[in-house]
C-alpha atoms as a PDB file:
ATOM      1  CA  MET A   1     -13.898  51.783 165.978  1.00  0.00           C
ATOM      2  CA  ALA A   2     -14.909  48.614 164.155  1.00  0.00           C
ATOM      3  CA  GLN A   3     -18.524  49.800 164.241  1.00  0.00           C
ATOM      4  CA  ILE A   4     -17.608  52.982 162.385  1.00  0.00           C
ATOM      5  CA  TYR A   5     -15.914  51.063 159.573  1.00  0.00           C
ATOM      6  CA  GLU A   6     -18.839  48.660 159.420  1.00  0.00           C
ATOM      7  CA  ILE A   7     -21.379  51.469 159.110  1.00  0.00           C
ATOM      8  CA  LEU A   8     -19.467  53.444 156.514  1.00  0.00           C
ATOM      9  CA  ASN A   9     -18.033  50.460 154.649  1.00  0.00           C
ATOM     10  CA  ILE A  10     -14.916  52.491 153.925  1.00  0.00           C
ATOM     11  CA  ARG A  11     -13.498  49.848 151.621  1.00  0.00           C
ATOM     12  CA  GLU A  12     -16.290  50.441 149.119  1.00  0.00           C
ATOM     13  CA  TYR A  13     -15.426  54.139 148.873  1.00  0.00           C
ATOM     14  CA  ASP A  14     -11.688  53.400 148.770  1.00  0.00           C
ATOM     15  CA  ASN A  15     -12.247  50.933 145.930  1.00  0.00           C
ATOM     16  CA  PHE A  16     -14.145  53.614 144.041  1.00  0.00           C
ATOM     17  CA  TYR A  17     -11.293  56.066 144.572  1.00  0.00           C
ATOM     18  CA  CYS A  18      -8.587  53.594 143.467  1.00  0.00           C
ATOM     19  CA  GLU A  19     -10.538  52.445 140.420  1.00  0.00           C
ATOM     20  CA  ASN A  20     -11.174  56.043 139.426  1.00  0.00           C
ATOM     21  CA  ARG A  21      -7.467  56.913 139.637  1.00  0.00           C
ATOM     22  CA  LEU A  22      -6.444  53.771 137.783  1.00  0.00           C
ATOM     23  CA  GLY A  23      -9.021  54.585 135.126  1.00  0.00           C
ATOM     24  CA  ASN A  24      -6.872  57.491 134.008  1.00  0.00           C
ATOM     25  CA  GLN A  25      -4.149  54.962 133.163  1.00  0.00           C
ATOM     26  CA  GLY A  26      -6.415  52.879 130.949  1.00  0.00           C
ATOM     27  CA  GLU A  27      -7.400  50.411 133.688  1.00  0.00           C
ATOM     28  CA  LYS A  28     -10.931  49.635 134.812  1.00  0.00           C
ATOM     29  CA  THR A  29     -13.160  52.731 134.929  1.00  0.00           C
ATOM     30  CA  LEU A  30     -16.516  53.290 136.560  1.00  0.00           C
ATOM     31  CA  ASP A  31     -19.261  55.091 134.717  1.00  0.00           C
ATOM     32  CA  PHE A  32     -20.595  58.392 136.044  1.00  0.00           C
ATOM     33  CA  ARG A  33     -23.845  56.976 137.450  1.00  0.00           C
ATOM     34  CA  LEU A  34     -22.047  54.304 139.455  1.00  0.00           C
ATOM     35  CA  ARG A  35     -19.610  56.847 140.901  1.00  0.00           C
ATOM     36  CA  LEU A  36     -22.498  59.134 141.803  1.00  0.00           C
ATOM     37  CA  ARG A  37     -24.375  56.277 143.463  1.00  0.00           C
ATOM     38  CA  LEU A  38     -21.291  55.281 145.486  1.00  0.00           C
ATOM     39  CA  ARG A  39     -20.758  58.871 146.589  1.00  0.00           C
ATOM     40  CA  GLN A  40     -24.411  59.236 147.626  1.00  0.00           C
ATOM     41  CA  ARG A  41     -24.300  55.951 149.530  1.00  0.00           C
ATOM     42  CA  PHE A  42     -21.133  57.049 151.325  1.00  0.00           C
ATOM     43  CA  ARG A  43     -22.709  60.383 152.315  1.00  0.00           C
ATOM     44  CA  LEU A  44     -25.855  58.626 153.534  1.00  0.00           C
ATOM     45  CA  ARG A  45     -23.832  56.251 155.698  1.00  0.00           C
ATOM     46  CA  LEU A  46     -21.844  59.165 157.077  1.00  0.00           C
ATOM     47  CA  ARG A  47     -25.068  61.008 157.914  1.00  0.00           C
ATOM     48  CA  LEU A  48     -26.490  57.896 159.618  1.00  0.00           C
ATOM     49  CA  LEU A  49     -23.319  57.536 161.645  1.00  0.00           C
ATOM     50  CA  PHE A  50     -23.451  61.119 162.895  1.00  0.00           C
ATOM     51  CA  ASP A  51     -27.184  60.837 163.608  1.00  0.00           C
ATOM     52  CA  SER A  52     -26.616  57.744 165.735  1.00  0.00           C
ATOM     53  CA  LEU A  53     -23.683  59.369 167.548  1.00  0.00           C
ATOM     54  CA  TYR A  54     -25.790  62.482 168.224  1.00  0.00           C
ATOM     55  CA  THR A  55     -28.654  60.349 169.554  1.00  0.00           C
ATOM     56  CA  GLN A  56     -26.303  58.394 171.818  1.00  0.00           C
ATOM     57  CA  THR A  57     -24.814  61.649 173.108  1.00  0.00           C
ATOM     58  CA  LEU A  58     -28.273  63.044 173.857  1.00  0.00           C
ATOM     59  CA  GLN A  59     -29.284  59.890 175.693  1.00  0.00           C
ATOM     60  CA  LEU A  60     -26.081  59.978 177.702  1.00  0.00           C
ATOM     61  CA  SER A  61     -26.468  63.645 178.629  1.00  0.00           C
ATOM     62  CA  ASN A  62     -30.130  63.109 179.575  1.00  0.00           C
ATOM     63  CA  SER A  63     -29.264  60.176 181.829  1.00  0.00           C
ATOM     64  CA  GLN A  64     -26.442  62.150 183.464  1.00  0.00           C
ATOM     65  CA  THR A  65     -28.787  65.095 184.046  1.00  0.00           C
ATOM     66  CA  PHE A  66     -31.318  62.766 185.625  1.00  0.00           C
ATOM     67  CA  GLN A  67     -28.656  61.221 187.862  1.00  0.00           C
ATOM     68  CA  LEU A  68     -27.461  64.671 188.911  1.00  0.00           C
ATOM     69  CA  SER A  69     -30.933  65.967 189.742  1.00  0.00           C
ATOM     70  CA  HIS A  70     -31.799  62.727 191.528  1.00  0.00           C
ATOM     71  CA  SER A  71     -28.639  62.836 193.657  1.00  0.00           C
ATOM     72  CA  GLN A  72     -29.222  66.512 194.486  1.00  0.00           C
ATOM     73  CA  THR A  73     -32.758  65.681 195.589  1.00  0.00           C
ATOM     74  CA  LEU A  74     -31.424  62.930 197.833  1.00  0.00           C
ATOM     75  CA  LYS A  75     -28.915  65.312 199.415  1.00  0.00           C
ATOM     76  CA  LEU A  76     -31.651  67.862 200.144  1.00  0.00           C
ATOM     77  CA  ASN A  77     -33.786  65.272 201.888  1.00  0.00           C
END
């Protein structure tokens, strides 16, 4: 779980959200380009997270398939 928060850096996106809401009350506001950049960075990190999870799942399923076929071969012999 800690790895997920580290990859996404959730706090950065949360800070953007809080600052944006507070901006409506006359507090600190972020300009449009900075908000866009934060959003793009968040989406990129999310995509990287899902790519790594997909890769790990593929590796796991491939190793399990190999173990299954190897054990079946041993049983046949």
